[in-house]
């Protein structure tokens, strides 16, 4: 059997050769081994997609048979999955996943301000958000699932737009869209500024000023003026 996948799931060189979907598939299998009884398959995974699908994807339809076969073949190619003879192999095995043990000592790189030397802390220390996001991204079944899983971590971001920009950028630079790179991208993404919609301009109806009533004195004066003018012109 190939060597175990140790404390950095995403740092294992074999895992680095996988695409985001292939990482997600491997992560699902490692989780499934913890919660499912595989005794009917000798503690291993069946190579038949129809038998493997309900194990890896218990709550959804899962990918088609041909795609599952490609995923299994890739795990075998990078020496993660081991086919169990005789051929045709009915089952395959995965190496054990060895997470970081709680007794491991983590020493900070810099000295403490007091100058008393390095402080040793028992346990794995506080969770690393970047690694958490990378693991969540690796466990996503597809792009839609990825966006929904990232939304709780980035409630103020336009997650759909940022994920799309990430994939476009990785394609442009000809690099695989690995979950670790996505985690760094999302943590650097800026919160969009929401512009307040402008209030509609209210049309104020302007009332035309009422014309003053004609002054009767002015009318009488004008008539008198016209008569005098007519007489003078004779």
Protein backbone atom coordinates (compact mmCIF):
# COMPACT_ATOMS: atom_id res chain seq x y z
CA UNK A 1 0.00 0.00 0.00
CA UNK A 2 1.19 3.54 -0.64
CA UNK A 3 2.36 5.67 2.28
CA UNK A 4 -0.14 7.50 4.51
CA UNK A 5 -1.42 11.00 3.81
CA UNK A 6 -0.01 12.82 6.80
CA UNK A 7 -1.07 15.92 8.76
CA UNK A 8 -1.24 18.25 5.84
CA UNK A 9 -3.86 16.80 3.57
CA UNK A 10 -3.40 19.59 1.04
CA UNK A 11 0.41 19.59 1.42
CA UNK A 12 0.87 15.96 0.40
CA UNK A 13 2.72 16.01 -2.98
CA UNK A 14 0.36 13.39 -4.41
CA UNK A 15 -2.69 15.48 -3.49
CA UNK A 16 -1.07 18.49 -5.17
CA UNK A 17 -1.31 16.61 -8.49
CA UNK A 18 -5.10 16.44 -8.26
CA UNK A 19 -7.60 18.91 -9.62
CA UNK A 20 -10.17 20.56 -7.35
CA UNK A 21 -12.83 17.97 -8.26
CA UNK A 22 -10.40 15.10 -7.74
CA UNK A 23 -9.40 16.50 -4.33
CA UNK A 24 -13.07 16.75 -3.40
CA UNK A 25 -13.63 13.13 -4.42
CA UNK A 26 -10.65 11.92 -2.35
CA UNK A 27 -11.81 13.94 0.65
CA UNK A 28 -15.27 12.39 0.36
CA UNK A 29 -13.79 8.89 0.32
CA UNK A 30 -11.65 9.56 3.40
CA UNK A 31 -14.71 10.90 5.22
CA UNK A 32 -16.85 7.99 4.03
CA UNK A 33 -14.38 5.49 5.46
CA UNK A 34 -14.88 7.02 8.91
CA UNK A 35 -18.67 6.93 8.89
CA UNK A 36 -19.50 3.90 6.70
CA UNK A 37 -19.23 0.20 7.34
CA UNK A 38 -17.13 -1.18 4.49
CA UNK A 39 -16.93 -4.72 5.87
CA UNK A 40 -18.92 -6.09 2.94
CA UNK A 41 -16.05 -4.93 0.71
CA UNK A 42 -13.29 -6.07 3.07
CA UNK A 43 -12.83 -2.57 4.48
CA UNK A 44 -12.05 -1.21 1.03
CA UNK A 45 -13.89 0.73 -1.68
CA UNK A 46 -15.72 -0.92 -4.59
CA UNK A 47 -14.56 0.02 -8.08
CA UNK A 48 -18.09 -0.37 -9.46
CA UNK A 49 -19.46 3.20 -9.76
CA UNK A 50 -22.99 2.07 -8.91
CA UNK A 51 -21.74 0.69 -5.58
CA UNK A 52 -19.30 3.50 -4.88
CA UNK A 53 -21.68 6.37 -5.60
CA UNK A 54 -23.94 5.96 -2.50
CA UNK A 55 -20.79 5.71 -0.34
CA UNK A 56 -19.11 8.87 -1.63
CA UNK A 57 -22.28 10.85 -2.34
CA UNK A 58 -24.89 9.68 0.20
CA UNK A 59 -27.08 12.80 -0.01
CA UNK A 60 -27.03 13.61 -3.72
CA UNK A 61 -27.13 11.96 -7.10
CA UNK A 62 -23.37 12.21 -7.66
CA UNK A 63 -21.47 12.18 -10.96
CA UNK A 64 -22.07 9.72 -13.79
CA UNK A 65 -20.36 6.31 -13.97
CA UNK A 66 -17.72 7.27 -16.56
CA UNK A 67 -16.66 10.30 -14.51
CA UNK A 68 -16.31 8.22 -11.32
CA UNK A 69 -14.15 5.75 -13.21
CA UNK A 70 -11.90 8.61 -14.34
CA UNK A 71 -11.60 9.85 -10.74
CA UNK A 72 -10.59 6.39 -9.51
CA UNK A 73 -8.06 6.06 -12.34
CA UNK A 74 -6.49 9.43 -11.42
CA UNK A 75 -6.13 8.40 -7.76
CA UNK A 76 -4.38 5.24 -8.91
CA UNK A 77 -2.17 7.20 -11.34
CA UNK A 78 -0.80 9.50 -8.60
CA UNK A 79 -0.24 6.47 -6.31
CA UNK A 80 -2.94 7.28 -3.78
CA UNK A 81 -5.36 4.48 -4.62
CA UNK A 82 -4.14 0.88 -4.69
CA UNK A 83 -6.07 -1.67 -6.74
CA UNK A 84 -6.52 -4.99 -4.98
CA UNK A 85 -5.99 -8.03 -7.24
CA UNK A 86 -7.01 -10.34 -8.76
CA UNK A 87 -7.93 -8.53 -11.97
CA UNK A 88 -10.40 -7.24 -12.84
CA UNK A 89 -10.05 -5.47 -9.51
CA UNK A 90 -13.35 -5.24 -7.68
CA UNK A 91 -12.06 -3.03 -4.84
CA UNK A 92 -9.35 -0.46 -4.19
CA UNK A 93 -7.75 0.84 -1.03
CA UNK A 94 -6.62 4.24 0.18
CA UNK A 95 -3.73 5.05 2.53
CA UNK A 96 -4.65 6.15 6.05
CA UNK A 97 -5.02 9.85 6.69
CA UNK A 98 -2.92 10.90 9.68
CA UNK A 99 -4.09 14.28 11.02
CA UNK A 100 -1.92 16.45 13.27
CA UNK A 101 -1.79 14.92 16.72
CA UNK A 102 -2.78 17.00 19.73
CA UNK A 103 0.54 16.27 21.46
CA UNK A 104 2.68 17.83 18.78
CA UNK A 105 4.62 20.94 19.83
CA UNK A 106 4.37 24.09 17.79
CA UNK A 107 7.07 26.72 18.38
CA UNK A 108 6.66 30.28 17.13
CA UNK A 109 9.45 31.61 14.93
CA UNK A 110 9.98 34.87 16.85
CA UNK A 111 10.91 35.26 20.49
CA UNK A 112 8.41 36.58 22.99
CA UNK A 113 8.60 40.29 23.88
CA UNK A 114 9.73 39.40 27.39
CA UNK A 115 12.88 37.81 26.03
CA UNK A 116 12.35 34.57 27.97
CA UNK A 117 12.84 32.43 24.89
CA UNK A 118 10.46 30.48 22.72
CA UNK A 119 7.02 29.69 24.10
CA UNK A 120 5.91 26.09 23.50
CA UNK A 121 2.21 25.45 23.13
CA UNK A 122 0.69 21.99 23.45
CA UNK A 123 -1.84 21.13 20.77
CA UNK A 124 -2.30 22.23 17.20
CA UNK A 125 -2.92 25.89 18.08
CA UNK A 126 -5.72 28.10 16.80
CA UNK A 127 -7.36 27.03 13.55
CA UNK A 128 -5.90 28.51 10.38
CA UNK A 129 -8.68 30.16 8.40
CA UNK A 130 -6.88 29.73 5.10
CA UNK A 131 -6.53 25.97 5.64
CA UNK A 132 -10.15 25.71 6.76
CA UNK A 133 -11.34 27.38 3.57
CA UNK A 134 -9.07 25.19 1.46
CA UNK A 135 -10.49 22.02 3.05
CA UNK A 136 -14.05 23.28 2.54
CA UNK A 137 -13.26 24.06 -1.11
CA UNK A 138 -11.74 20.61 -1.61
CA UNK A 139 -14.90 18.97 -0.25
CA UNK A 140 -17.23 20.79 -2.66
CA UNK A 141 -18.90 18.51 -5.20
CA UNK A 142 -19.17 21.14 -7.95
CA UNK A 143 -18.99 24.88 -8.57
CA UNK A 144 -22.48 25.53 -7.20
CA UNK A 145 -21.71 23.55 -4.04
CA UNK A 146 -18.40 25.43 -3.71
CA UNK A 147 -20.12 28.83 -3.80
CA UNK A 148 -22.68 27.80 -1.16
CA UNK A 149 -19.94 26.41 1.13
CA UNK A 150 -17.91 29.63 0.89
CA UNK A 151 -20.78 32.03 1.57
CA UNK A 152 -20.74 31.55 5.40
CA UNK A 153 -17.04 32.54 5.41
CA UNK A 154 -17.58 35.61 3.22
CA UNK A 155 -21.07 36.96 3.98
CA UNK A 156 -20.27 40.46 2.64
CA UNK A 157 -18.59 39.32 -0.58
CA UNK A 158 -20.02 38.52 -3.98
CA UNK A 159 -18.78 34.94 -3.75
CA UNK A 160 -20.10 33.84 -7.15
CA UNK A 161 -18.28 36.67 -8.94
CA UNK A 162 -15.04 36.12 -7.00
CA UNK A 163 -15.00 32.37 -7.71
CA UNK A 164 -15.60 33.06 -11.39
CA UNK A 165 -12.76 35.61 -11.46
CA UNK A 166 -10.48 33.10 -9.69
CA UNK A 167 -11.08 30.37 -12.27
CA UNK A 168 -10.60 32.83 -15.13
CA UNK A 169 -7.34 34.06 -13.61
CA UNK A 170 -5.94 30.55 -13.07
CA UNK A 171 -6.85 29.62 -16.65
CA UNK A 172 -5.17 32.78 -17.93
CA UNK A 173 -1.88 32.00 -16.15
CA UNK A 174 -2.17 28.30 -17.05
CA UNK A 175 -2.24 27.09 -13.44
CA UNK A 176 -4.63 24.53 -11.88
CA UNK A 177 -7.38 26.01 -9.64
CA UNK A 178 -6.27 24.23 -6.46
CA UNK A 179 -8.22 24.87 -3.23
CA UNK A 180 -5.22 26.40 -1.44
CA UNK A 181 -4.94 29.06 -4.16
CA UNK A 182 -8.69 29.71 -3.98
CA UNK A 183 -8.47 30.22 -0.20
CA UNK A 184 -5.73 32.84 -0.62
CA UNK A 185 -7.70 34.52 -3.42
CA UNK A 186 -10.88 34.79 -1.34
CA UNK A 187 -9.02 36.13 1.71
CA UNK A 188 -7.52 38.89 -0.44
CA UNK A 189 -10.81 39.74 -2.16
CA UNK A 190 -12.22 43.15 -1.38
CA UNK A 191 -15.73 43.66 -0.08
CA UNK A 192 -17.73 45.34 -2.85
CA UNK A 193 -19.00 48.82 -2.16
CA UNK A 194 -22.76 48.88 -2.43
CA UNK A 195 -23.98 52.09 -3.91
CA UNK A 196 -27.20 53.44 -2.50
CA UNK A 197 -29.82 53.84 -5.22
CA UNK A 198 -30.61 57.43 -5.96
CA UNK A 199 -34.01 58.57 -4.80
CA UNK A 200 -36.29 59.37 -7.72
CA UNK A 201 -36.69 63.05 -8.38
CA UNK A 202 -40.14 64.12 -7.44
CA UNK A 203 -41.87 66.09 -10.10
CA UNK A 204 -43.25 69.18 -8.47
CA UNK A 205 -46.20 70.57 -10.31
CA UNK A 206 -45.74 74.28 -10.60
CA UNK A 207 -48.98 76.16 -10.51
CA UNK A 208 -49.25 78.94 -12.96
CA UNK A 209 -49.72 82.24 -11.19
CA UNK A 210 -53.16 83.56 -11.52
CA UNK A 211 -53.40 86.59 -13.71
CA UNK A 212 -54.55 89.65 -11.93
CA UNK A 213 -58.01 90.84 -12.70
CA UNK A 214 -57.90 93.72 -15.22
CA UNK A 215 -58.05 97.09 -13.59
CA UNK A 216 -61.23 98.83 -14.72
CA UNK A 217 -59.58 102.23 -14.30
CA UNK A 218 -56.76 101.24 -16.67
CA UNK A 219 -59.24 100.07 -19.29
CA UNK A 220 -61.18 103.33 -19.05
CA UNK A 221 -57.93 105.31 -19.36
CA UNK A 222 -56.85 103.35 -22.44
CA UNK A 223 -60.20 103.90 -24.16
CA UNK A 224 -60.02 107.62 -23.45
CA UNK A 225 -56.43 107.72 -24.69
CA UNK A 226 -57.40 106.00 -27.96
CA UNK A 227 -60.23 108.52 -28.59
CA UNK A 228 -57.95 111.49 -28.01
CA UNK A 229 -55.32 109.97 -30.25
CA UNK A 230 -57.88 109.44 -33.03
CA UNK A 231 -59.10 113.08 -32.84
CA UNK A 232 -55.55 114.43 -32.98
CA UNK A 233 -54.83 112.50 -36.14
CA UNK A 234 -57.78 114.12 -38.05
